[in-house]
Amino acid sequence: MDEFEKSKSLNIYQKLAQVQAKTGQITKAEENKFGKYKYFTEQQALNILKPLLSEQKLTLTFSDENDRYFGSRKKDGEKE
């Protein structure tokens, strides 16, 4: 059975577990000099994840819309 046939017989959780197992550790290549910490970028993560997801016939979708609010948000009709 080839990789494509194996991939067809797995459920999404099994496929994601395989991707996660192959991901390994992402090297923090960027540095925030002000905060004095290292981090990795979204692009670094995508460069690692996309080929692994493709092997399992999975895709990654995301939105760049910022519709999350942090802290409290005044509701219509509420007084400050």
Protein backbone atom coordinates (compact mmCIF):
# COMPACT_ATOMS: atom_id res chain seq x y z
CA MET A 1 0.00 0.00 0.00
CA ASP A 2 1.51 3.35 -1.02
CA GLU A 3 1.42 6.58 1.06
CA PHE A 4 -1.69 7.85 -0.74
CA GLU A 5 -3.62 4.67 0.02
CA LYS A 6 -2.49 4.78 3.68
CA SER A 7 -3.56 8.42 3.90
CA LYS A 8 -7.06 7.60 2.62
CA SER A 9 -7.65 5.04 5.38
CA LEU A 10 -6.78 7.41 8.27
CA ASN A 11 -9.24 9.74 9.96
CA ILE A 12 -8.39 13.42 10.42
CA TYR A 13 -7.12 12.94 13.97
CA GLN A 14 -4.73 10.20 12.88
CA LYS A 15 -3.53 12.37 9.99
CA LEU A 16 -2.94 15.36 12.30
CA ALA A 17 -1.11 13.12 14.77
CA GLN A 18 1.23 12.01 11.97
CA VAL A 19 1.86 15.62 10.95
CA GLN A 20 2.56 16.58 14.56
CA ALA A 21 4.94 13.62 15.00
CA LYS A 22 6.94 14.70 11.92
CA THR A 23 6.98 18.42 12.72
CA GLY A 24 9.74 18.31 15.29
CA GLN A 25 10.95 21.42 17.04
CA ILE A 26 10.82 24.73 15.19
CA THR A 27 14.00 26.71 15.64
CA LYS A 28 13.46 30.19 16.99
CA ALA A 29 15.48 32.07 14.37
CA GLU A 30 14.26 35.61 15.04
CA GLU A 31 15.11 37.77 18.02
CA ASN A 32 13.23 40.56 19.74
CA LYS A 33 16.06 42.79 20.89
CA PHE A 34 13.82 44.97 23.07
CA GLY A 35 12.21 42.07 24.94
CA LYS A 36 15.37 39.95 24.69
CA TYR A 37 13.68 36.76 23.52
CA LYS A 38 13.76 34.56 20.44
CA TYR A 39 10.75 33.55 18.38
CA PHE A 40 9.75 31.91 15.12
CA THR A 41 7.62 33.53 12.45
CA GLU A 42 4.39 32.29 10.91
CA GLN A 43 6.30 31.83 7.65
CA GLN A 44 8.78 29.50 9.33
CA ALA A 45 5.92 27.40 10.68
CA LEU A 46 4.16 27.33 7.30
CA ASN A 47 7.35 26.25 5.52
CA ILE A 48 7.50 23.24 7.84
CA LEU A 49 3.78 22.42 8.02
CA LYS A 50 2.64 22.77 4.40
CA PRO A 51 4.62 19.83 2.96
CA LEU A 52 3.65 17.61 5.90
CA LEU A 53 -0.01 18.52 5.57
CA SER A 54 0.18 17.91 1.83
CA GLU A 55 1.47 14.36 2.43
CA GLN A 56 -1.74 13.67 4.35
CA LYS A 57 -3.94 15.46 1.77
CA LEU A 58 -4.75 18.17 4.36
CA THR A 59 -4.74 21.92 3.96
CA LEU A 60 -4.33 24.87 6.26
CA THR A 61 -6.68 27.81 6.08
CA PHE A 62 -6.63 30.96 8.14
CA SER A 63 -7.96 34.47 8.11
CA ASP A 64 -5.98 37.64 8.59
CA GLU A 65 -9.04 39.49 9.82
CA ASN A 66 -8.64 40.65 13.38
CA ASP A 67 -12.04 40.17 14.94
CA ARG A 68 -10.82 39.18 18.39
CA TYR A 69 -11.02 41.67 21.19
CA PHE A 70 -8.84 41.52 24.24
CA GLY A 71 -10.08 42.84 27.54
CA SER A 72 -13.60 44.09 27.94
CA ARG A 73 -15.61 45.55 25.12
CA LYS A 74 -18.56 47.86 25.58
CA LYS A 75 -21.81 46.38 24.29
CA ASP A 76 -24.39 48.46 22.47
CA GLY A 77 -26.36 50.55 24.95
CA GLU A 78 -23.90 50.06 27.83
CA LYS A 79 -22.65 53.08 29.71
CA GLU A 80 -18.95 53.52 30.32
